[in-house]
PDB file of N, CA and C in Angstrom:
ATOM      1  N   MET A   1      -1.660  26.191   1.467  1.00  0.00           N
ATOM      2  CA  MET A   1      -2.627  25.292   2.175  1.00  0.00           C
ATOM      3  C   MET A   1      -3.691  24.663   1.044  1.00  0.00           C
ATOM      4  N   THR A   2      -3.991  23.386   1.476  1.00  0.00           N
ATOM      5  CA  THR A   2      -4.866  22.764   0.582  1.00  0.00           C
ATOM      6  C   THR A   2      -6.386  22.859   0.861  1.00  0.00           C
ATOM      7  N   ALA A   3      -7.048  23.013   0.028  1.00  0.00           N
ATOM      8  CA  ALA A   3      -8.498  23.149   0.128  1.00  0.00           C
ATOM      9  C   ALA A   3      -9.272  21.908  -0.364  1.00  0.00           C
ATOM     10  N   PHE A   4     -10.091  21.260   0.285  1.00  0.00           N
ATOM     11  CA  PHE A   4     -10.749  19.956  -0.476  1.00  0.00           C
ATOM     12  C   PHE A   4     -12.274  20.432  -0.725  1.00  0.00           C
ATOM     13  N   THR A   5     -12.716  20.147  -1.789  1.00  0.00           N
ATOM     14  CA  THR A   5     -14.158  20.389  -1.948  1.00  0.00           C
ATOM     15  C   THR A   5     -14.969  19.036  -1.880  1.00  0.00           C
ATOM     16  N   HIS A   6     -16.033  19.176  -1.419  1.00  0.00           N
ATOM     17  CA  HIS A   6     -16.875  17.980  -1.259  1.00  0.00           C
ATOM     18  C   HIS A   6     -17.785  17.997  -2.450  1.00  0.00           C
ATOM     19  N   MET A   7     -17.766  16.653  -2.963  1.00  0.00           N
ATOM     20  CA  MET A   7     -18.431  16.356  -4.297  1.00  0.00           C
ATOM     21  C   MET A   7     -19.476  15.404  -3.999  1.00  0.00           C
ATOM     22  N   GLN A   8     -20.578  15.380  -4.808  1.00  0.00           N
ATOM     23  CA  GLN A   8     -21.599  14.677  -4.518  1.00  0.00           C
ATOM     24  C   GLN A   8     -21.492  13.594  -5.567  1.00  0.00           C
ATOM     25  N   MET A   9     -21.522  12.355  -5.067  1.00  0.00           N
ATOM     26  CA  MET A   9     -21.479  11.161  -5.731  1.00  0.00           C
ATOM     27  C   MET A   9     -22.644  10.223  -5.747  1.00  0.00           C
ATOM     28  N   THR A  10     -22.663   9.393  -6.760  1.00  0.00           N
ATOM     29  CA  THR A  10     -23.702   8.222  -6.579  1.00  0.00           C
ATOM     30  C   THR A  10     -22.984   7.086  -6.011  1.00  0.00           C
ATOM     31  N   MET A  11     -23.774   6.000  -5.537  1.00  0.00           N
ATOM     32  CA  MET A  11     -23.111   4.808  -4.940  1.00  0.00           C
ATOM     33  C   MET A  11     -22.326   4.270  -5.911  1.00  0.00           C
ATOM     34  N   GLN A  12     -22.700   4.279  -7.273  1.00  0.00           N
ATOM     35  CA  GLN A  12     -21.835   3.414  -8.409  1.00  0.00           C
ATOM     36  C   GLN A  12     -20.545   4.140  -8.451  1.00  0.00           C
ATOM     37  N   GLU A  13     -20.547   5.404  -8.368  1.00  0.00           N
ATOM     38  CA  GLU A  13     -19.356   6.285  -8.624  1.00  0.00           C
ATOM     39  C   GLU A  13     -18.352   6.031  -7.277  1.00  0.00           C
ATOM     40  N   GLU A  14     -19.016   5.908  -6.132  1.00  0.00           N
ATOM     41  CA  GLU A  14     -18.079   5.714  -5.036  1.00  0.00           C
ATOM     42  C   GLU A  14     -17.545   4.189  -5.094  1.00  0.00           C
ATOM     43  N   ASP A  15     -18.350   3.228  -5.472  1.00  0.00           N
ATOM     44  CA  ASP A  15     -17.875   1.893  -5.652  1.00  0.00           C
ATOM     45  C   ASP A  15     -16.716   1.885  -6.595  1.00  0.00           C
ATOM     46  N   ASN A  16     -16.515   2.789  -7.494  1.00  0.00           N
ATOM     47  CA  ASN A  16     -15.619   2.851  -8.684  1.00  0.00           C
ATOM     48  C   ASN A  16     -14.334   3.411  -8.256  1.00  0.00           C
ATOM     49  N   LEU A  17     -14.243   4.333  -7.005  1.00  0.00           N
ATOM     50  CA  LEU A  17     -13.126   5.047  -6.476  1.00  0.00           C
ATOM     51  C   LEU A  17     -11.917   4.162  -6.283  1.00  0.00           C
ATOM     52  N   PRO A  18     -11.906   3.073  -5.604  1.00  0.00           N
ATOM     53  CA  PRO A  18     -10.617   2.358  -5.495  1.00  0.00           C
ATOM     54  C   PRO A  18     -10.131   1.837  -6.729  1.00  0.00           C
ATOM     55  N   ASN A  19     -10.960   1.403  -7.710  1.00  0.00           N
ATOM     56  CA  ASN A  19     -10.196   1.204  -9.096  1.00  0.00           C
ATOM     57  C   ASN A  19      -9.612   2.239  -9.849  1.00  0.00           C
ATOM     58  N   LEU A  20     -10.130   3.551  -9.566  1.00  0.00           N
ATOM     59  CA  LEU A  20      -9.697   4.737 -10.119  1.00  0.00           C
ATOM     60  C   LEU A  20      -8.487   5.182  -9.530  1.00  0.00           C
ATOM     61  N   ALA A  21      -8.422   4.927  -8.367  1.00  0.00           N
ATOM     62  CA  ALA A  21      -7.171   5.341  -7.563  1.00  0.00           C
ATOM     63  C   ALA A  21      -6.035   4.359  -7.898  1.00  0.00           C
ATOM     64  N   VAL A  22      -6.098   3.174  -8.053  1.00  0.00           N
ATOM     65  CA  VAL A  22      -5.241   2.193  -8.686  1.00  0.00           C
ATOM     66  C   VAL A  22      -4.819   2.661  -9.968  1.00  0.00           C
ATOM     67  N   GLN A  23      -5.694   2.869 -10.868  1.00  0.00           N
ATOM     68  CA  GLN A  23      -5.225   3.266 -12.118  1.00  0.00           C
ATOM     69  C   GLN A  23      -4.539   4.664 -12.049  1.00  0.00           C
ATOM     70  N   ALA A  24      -4.929   5.577 -11.378  1.00  0.00           N
ATOM     71  CA  ALA A  24      -4.191   6.825 -11.229  1.00  0.00           C
ATOM     72  C   ALA A  24      -2.637   6.557 -10.645  1.00  0.00           C
ATOM     73  N   PHE A  25      -2.569   5.609  -9.730  1.00  0.00           N
ATOM     74  CA  PHE A  25      -1.082   5.269  -9.320  1.00  0.00           C
ATOM     75  C   PHE A  25      -0.318   4.500 -10.302  1.00  0.00           C
ATOM     76  N   ARG A  26      -1.008   3.686 -11.116  1.00  0.00           N
ATOM     77  CA  ARG A  26      -0.124   3.014 -12.260  1.00  0.00           C
ATOM     78  C   ARG A  26       0.135   4.065 -13.254  1.00  0.00           C
ATOM     79  N   ASP A  27      -0.536   4.966 -13.691  1.00  0.00           N
ATOM     80  CA  ASP A  27      -0.262   5.916 -14.569  1.00  0.00           C
ATOM     81  C   ASP A  27       0.819   6.878 -14.131  1.00  0.00           C
ATOM     82  N   ALA A  28       0.690   7.259 -12.721  1.00  0.00           N
ATOM     83  CA  ALA A  28       1.713   8.230 -12.204  1.00  0.00           C
ATOM     84  C   ALA A  28       3.103   7.461 -12.186  1.00  0.00           C
ATOM     85  N   PHE A  29       3.159   6.070 -11.841  1.00  0.00           N
ATOM     86  CA  PHE A  29       4.388   5.356 -11.630  1.00  0.00           C
ATOM     87  C   PHE A  29       5.078   5.265 -13.147  1.00  0.00           C
ATOM     88  N   LYS A  30       4.138   4.870 -14.042  1.00  0.00           N
ATOM     89  CA  LYS A  30       4.616   4.755 -15.463  1.00  0.00           C
ATOM     90  C   LYS A  30       5.303   6.090 -15.990  1.00  0.00           C
ATOM     91  N   GLN A  31       4.660   7.315 -15.517  1.00  0.00           N
ATOM     92  CA  GLN A  31       5.211   8.540 -15.992  1.00  0.00           C
ATOM     93  C   GLN A  31       6.395   8.944 -15.313  1.00  0.00           C
ATOM     94  N   ALA A  32       6.597   8.498 -14.073  1.00  0.00           N
ATOM     95  CA  ALA A  32       7.875   8.867 -13.250  1.00  0.00           C
ATOM     96  C   ALA A  32       8.995   7.939 -13.682  1.00  0.00           C
ATOM     97  N   SER A  33       8.519   6.671 -13.870  1.00  0.00           N
ATOM     98  CA  SER A  33       9.663   5.777 -14.478  1.00  0.00           C
ATOM     99  C   SER A  33      10.186   6.068 -15.791  1.00  0.00           C
ATOM    100  N   GLU A  34       9.343   6.771 -16.601  1.00  0.00           N
ATOM    101  CA  GLU A  34       9.901   7.248 -17.954  1.00  0.00           C
ATOM    102  C   GLU A  34      10.619   8.298 -17.825  1.00  0.00           C
ATOM    103  N   SER A  35      10.655   9.217 -16.892  1.00  0.00           N
ATOM    104  CA  SER A  35      11.424  10.471 -16.613  1.00  0.00           C
ATOM    105  C   SER A  35      12.497  10.439 -15.900  1.00  0.00           C
ATOM    106  N   SER A  36      12.611   9.481 -14.791  1.00  0.00           N
ATOM    107  CA  SER A  36      13.830   9.456 -13.999  1.00  0.00           C
ATOM    108  C   SER A  36      13.773   7.902 -13.500  1.00  0.00           C
ATOM    109  N   ALA A  37      14.905   7.777 -12.550  1.00  0.00           N
ATOM    110  CA  ALA A  37      15.089   6.414 -11.936  1.00  0.00           C
ATOM    111  C   ALA A  37      14.161   6.297 -10.739  1.00  0.00           C
ATOM    112  N   VAL A  38      13.582   5.068 -10.841  1.00  0.00           N
ATOM    113  CA  VAL A  38      12.687   4.810  -9.806  1.00  0.00           C
ATOM    114  C   VAL A  38      13.048   3.427  -9.166  1.00  0.00           C
ATOM    115  N   VAL A  39      13.019   3.315  -7.787  1.00  0.00           N
ATOM    116  CA  VAL A  39      13.281   2.396  -6.803  1.00  0.00           C
ATOM    117  C   VAL A  39      12.171   1.919  -6.217  1.00  0.00           C
ATOM    118  N   PHE A  40      11.832   0.471  -6.409  1.00  0.00           N
ATOM    119  CA  PHE A  40      10.717  -0.235  -5.823  1.00  0.00           C
ATOM    120  C   PHE A  40      11.015  -1.625  -5.546  1.00  0.00           C
ATOM    121  N   THR A  41      10.065  -2.214  -4.755  1.00  0.00           N
ATOM    122  CA  THR A  41      10.196  -3.628  -4.424  1.00  0.00           C
ATOM    123  C   THR A  41       9.308  -4.465  -5.354  1.00  0.00           C
ATOM    124  N   LYS A  42      10.004  -5.709  -5.622  1.00  0.00           N
ATOM    125  CA  LYS A  42       9.170  -6.790  -6.464  1.00  0.00           C
ATOM    126  C   LYS A  42       9.761  -8.131  -6.149  1.00  0.00           C
ATOM    127  N   ASP A  43       8.989  -9.002  -5.742  1.00  0.00           N
ATOM    128  CA  ASP A  43       9.414 -10.492  -5.552  1.00  0.00           C
ATOM    129  C   ASP A  43      10.503 -10.462  -4.457  1.00  0.00           C
ATOM    130  N   HIS A  44      10.468  -9.815  -3.279  1.00  0.00           N
ATOM    131  CA  HIS A  44      11.336  -9.743  -2.197  1.00  0.00           C
ATOM    132  C   HIS A  44      12.901  -9.318  -2.672  1.00  0.00           C
ATOM    133  N   GLN A  45      12.757  -8.245  -3.706  1.00  0.00           N
ATOM    134  CA  GLN A  45      14.120  -7.518  -4.108  1.00  0.00           C
ATOM    135  C   GLN A  45      13.733  -6.110  -4.388  1.00  0.00           C
ATOM    136  N   LEU A  46      14.860  -5.444  -3.895  1.00  0.00           N
ATOM    137  CA  LEU A  46      14.997  -3.890  -4.076  1.00  0.00           C
ATOM    138  C   LEU A  46      15.309  -3.561  -5.582  1.00  0.00           C
ATOM    139  N   ILE A  47      14.481  -3.189  -6.420  1.00  0.00           N
ATOM    140  CA  ILE A  47      14.928  -2.763  -7.848  1.00  0.00           C
ATOM    141  C   ILE A  47      14.897  -1.440  -8.269  1.00  0.00           C
ATOM    142  N   GLU A  48      15.824  -1.012  -9.005  1.00  0.00           N
ATOM    143  CA  GLU A  48      15.801   0.349  -9.511  1.00  0.00           C
ATOM    144  C   GLU A  48      15.623   0.154 -10.990  1.00  0.00           C
ATOM    145  N   LYS A  49      14.772   1.033 -11.526  1.00  0.00           N
ATOM    146  CA  LYS A  49      14.389   1.060 -13.017  1.00  0.00           C
ATOM    147  C   LYS A  49      14.862   2.425 -13.557  1.00  0.00           C
ATOM    148  N   LEU A  50      15.693   2.269 -14.537  1.00  0.00           N
ATOM    149  CA  LEU A  50      16.166   3.515 -15.105  1.00  0.00           C
ATOM    150  C   LEU A  50      15.324   3.872 -16.400  1.00  0.00           C
ATOM    151  N   PRO A  51      15.386   5.177 -16.649  1.00  0.00           N
ATOM    152  CA  PRO A  51      14.377   5.695 -17.821  1.00  0.00           C
ATOM    153  C   PRO A  51      14.782   5.128 -19.137  1.00  0.00           C
ATOM    154  N   SER A  52      15.804   4.549 -19.215  1.00  0.00           N
ATOM    155  CA  SER A  52      16.249   3.729 -20.574  1.00  0.00           C
ATOM    156  C   SER A  52      15.546   2.302 -20.461  1.00  0.00           C
ATOM    157  N   GLY A  53      15.025   1.960 -19.388  1.00  0.00           N
ATOM    158  CA  GLY A  53      14.230   0.769 -19.442  1.00  0.00           C
ATOM    159  C   GLY A  53      15.261  -0.365 -18.546  1.00  0.00           C
ATOM    160  N   LYS A  54      16.309  -0.052 -18.480  1.00  0.00           N
ATOM    161  CA  LYS A  54      17.173  -1.077 -17.797  1.00  0.00           C
ATOM    162  C   LYS A  54      16.723  -1.254 -16.199  1.00  0.00           C
ATOM    163  N   ILE A  55      16.847  -2.532 -15.832  1.00  0.00           N
ATOM    164  CA  ILE A  55      16.602  -2.749 -14.459  1.00  0.00           C
ATOM    165  C   ILE A  55      17.673  -3.445 -13.819  1.00  0.00           C
ATOM    166  N   ASN A  56      17.910  -2.632 -12.484  1.00  0.00           N
ATOM    167  CA  ASN A  56      19.111  -3.267 -11.635  1.00  0.00           C
ATOM    168  C   ASN A  56      18.525  -3.733 -10.398  1.00  0.00           C
ATOM    169  N   VAL A  57      18.923  -4.844  -9.938  1.00  0.00           N
ATOM    170  CA  VAL A  57      18.731  -5.411  -8.693  1.00  0.00           C
ATOM    171  C   VAL A  57      19.706  -4.927  -7.606  1.00  0.00           C
ATOM    172  N   ILE A  58      19.128  -4.067  -6.727  1.00  0.00           N
ATOM    173  CA  ILE A  58      19.946  -3.416  -5.792  1.00  0.00           C
ATOM    174  C   ILE A  58      20.263  -4.341  -4.588  1.00  0.00           C
ATOM    175  N   LYS A  59      19.292  -5.048  -4.089  1.00  0.00           N
ATOM    176  CA  LYS A  59      19.416  -5.863  -2.907  1.00  0.00           C
ATOM    177  C   LYS A  59      18.501  -7.009  -2.774  1.00  0.00           C
ATOM    178  N   ASP A  60      18.632  -8.007  -2.221  1.00  0.00           N
ATOM    179  CA  ASP A  60      17.820  -8.999  -1.876  1.00  0.00           C
ATOM    180  C   ASP A  60      17.207  -8.653  -0.508  1.00  0.00           C
ATOM    181  N   ILE A  61      15.849  -8.345  -0.231  1.00  0.00           N
ATOM    182  CA  ILE A  61      15.421  -8.018   0.954  1.00  0.00           C
ATOM    183  C   ILE A  61      14.396  -8.989   1.520  1.00  0.00           C
ATOM    184  N   SER A  62      14.467 -10.282   1.053  1.00  0.00           N
ATOM    185  CA  SER A  62      13.795 -11.399   1.685  1.00  0.00           C
ATOM    186  C   SER A  62      13.839 -11.678   3.071  1.00  0.00           C
ATOM    187  N   MET A  63      15.162 -11.416   3.575  1.00  0.00           N
ATOM    188  CA  MET A  63      15.369 -11.626   5.114  1.00  0.00           C
ATOM    189  C   MET A  63      14.618 -10.458   5.909  1.00  0.00           C
ATOM    190  N   ALA A  64      14.224  -9.405   5.286  1.00  0.00           N
ATOM    191  CA  ALA A  64      13.682  -8.174   6.069  1.00  0.00           C
ATOM    192  C   ALA A  64      12.129  -8.535   6.440  1.00  0.00           C
ATOM    193  N   TYR A  65      11.566  -9.487   5.665  1.00  0.00           N
ATOM    194  CA  TYR A  65      10.219  -9.759   5.959  1.00  0.00           C
ATOM    195  C   TYR A  65      10.295 -10.939   7.206  1.00  0.00           C
ATOM    196  N   THR A  66       9.454 -10.732   8.160  1.00  0.00           N
ATOM    197  CA  THR A  66       9.269 -11.659   9.018  1.00  0.00           C
ATOM    198  C   THR A  66       7.801 -12.046   9.215  1.00  0.00           C
ATOM    199  N   ARG A  67       7.760 -13.484   9.562  1.00  0.00           N
ATOM    200  CA  ARG A  67       6.395 -14.124   9.868  1.00  0.00           C
ATOM    201  C   ARG A  67       6.026 -13.818  11.221  1.00  0.00           C
ATOM    202  N   ILE A  68       4.797 -13.290  11.399  1.00  0.00           N
ATOM    203  CA  ILE A  68       4.404 -13.311  12.852  1.00  0.00           C
ATOM    204  C   ILE A  68       3.475 -14.518  13.124  1.00  0.00           C
ATOM    205  N   THR A  69       3.715 -14.894  14.190  1.00  0.00           N
ATOM    206  CA  THR A  69       2.963 -16.097  14.772  1.00  0.00           C
ATOM    207  C   THR A  69       1.859 -15.678  15.501  1.00  0.00           C
ATOM    208  N   VAL A  70       0.733 -16.382  15.047  1.00  0.00           N
ATOM    209  CA  VAL A  70      -0.555 -15.908  15.542  1.00  0.00           C
ATOM    210  C   VAL A  70      -1.088 -16.825  16.799  1.00  0.00           C
ATOM    211  N   ASP A  71      -1.176 -16.174  17.885  1.00  0.00           N
ATOM    212  CA  ASP A  71      -1.524 -17.245  19.090  1.00  0.00           C
ATOM    213  C   ASP A  71      -3.181 -16.975  19.122  1.00  0.00           C
ATOM    214  N   GLN A  72      -3.784 -18.000  18.908  1.00  0.00           N
ATOM    215  CA  GLN A  72      -5.240 -17.950  18.966  1.00  0.00           C
ATOM    216  C   GLN A  72      -5.552 -17.969  20.537  1.00  0.00           C
ATOM    217  N   LYS A  73      -6.170 -16.806  20.829  1.00  0.00           N
ATOM    218  CA  LYS A  73      -6.555 -16.884  22.238  1.00  0.00           C
ATOM    219  C   LYS A  73      -7.958 -16.468  22.317  1.00  0.00           C
ATOM    220  N   VAL A  74      -8.837 -16.819  23.106  1.00  0.00           N
ATOM    221  CA  VAL A  74     -10.154 -16.244  23.197  1.00  0.00           C
ATOM    222  C   VAL A  74     -10.131 -15.293  24.232  1.00  0.00           C
ATOM    223  N   LEU A  75     -10.606 -14.128  23.873  1.00  0.00           N
ATOM    224  CA  LEU A  75     -10.574 -12.907  24.770  1.00  0.00           C
ATOM    225  C   LEU A  75     -11.919 -13.023  25.509  1.00  0.00           C
ATOM    226  N   LYS A  76     -11.887 -12.946  26.830  1.00  0.00           N
ATOM    227  CA  LYS A  76     -13.184 -13.077  27.547  1.00  0.00           C
ATOM    228  C   LYS A  76     -13.211 -11.676  28.265  1.00  0.00           C
ATOM    229  N   PRO A  77     -14.371 -11.106  28.391  1.00  0.00           N
ATOM    230  CA  PRO A  77     -14.584  -9.815  29.132  1.00  0.00           C
ATOM    231  C   PRO A  77     -14.477 -10.041  30.678  1.00  0.00           C
ATOM    232  N   LYS A  78     -13.907  -9.282  31.234  1.00  0.00           N
ATOM    233  CA  LYS A  78     -13.750  -9.268  32.707  1.00  0.00           C
ATOM    234  C   LYS A  78     -15.059  -9.093  33.374  1.00  0.00           C
ATOM    235  N   ARG A  79     -15.487  -9.891  34.278  1.00  0.00           N
ATOM    236  CA  ARG A  79     -16.641  -9.974  35.043  1.00  0.00           C
ATOM    237  C   ARG A  79     -16.515  -8.759  36.088  1.00  0.00           C
ATOM    238  N   LYS A  80     -17.601  -7.780  36.066  1.00  0.00           N
ATOM    239  CA  LYS A  80     -17.433  -6.726  37.097  1.00  0.00           C
ATOM    240  C   LYS A  80     -17.907  -7.157  38.376  1.00  0.00           C
ATOM    241  N   GLN A  81     -17.148  -6.832  39.441  1.00  0.00           N
ATOM    242  CA  GLN A  81     -17.358  -7.344  40.906  1.00  0.00           C
ATOM    243  C   GLN A  81     -18.498  -6.217  41.410  1.00  0.00           C
ATOM    244  N   VAL A  82     -19.550  -6.768  42.128  1.00  0.00           N
ATOM    245  CA  VAL A  82     -20.495  -5.802  42.592  1.00  0.00           C
ATOM    246  C   VAL A  82     -20.187  -5.763  44.085  1.00  0.00           C
ATOM    247  N   VAL A  83     -20.126  -4.448  44.460  1.00  0.00           N
ATOM    248  CA  VAL A  83     -19.797  -4.084  45.968  1.00  0.00           C
ATOM    249  C   VAL A  83     -21.011  -3.705  46.590  1.00  0.00           C
ATOM    250  N   ILE A  84     -21.292  -4.384  47.601  1.00  0.00           N
ATOM    251  CA  ILE A  84     -22.451  -4.283  48.362  1.00  0.00           C
ATOM    252  C   ILE A  84     -22.207  -3.536  49.571  1.00  0.00           C
TER     253      ILE A  84
END
């Protein structure tokens, strides 16, 4: 079971949290890719990166992405009917 500890932070430290999270992810990804094969997507392609540094393109996944058409509709609240 995991226990979380509440930490007191200043506003400046809280503002810095997203940057620290991105940096931690980059470091973890770099460490993982140096020790074993990693599969990820880049430029609509599924890529495998081997620990030797060799990069294999597994599949083109550009057709997997779909565009969603946005219909601009104005949402109006329903008027409540008064019962007398």
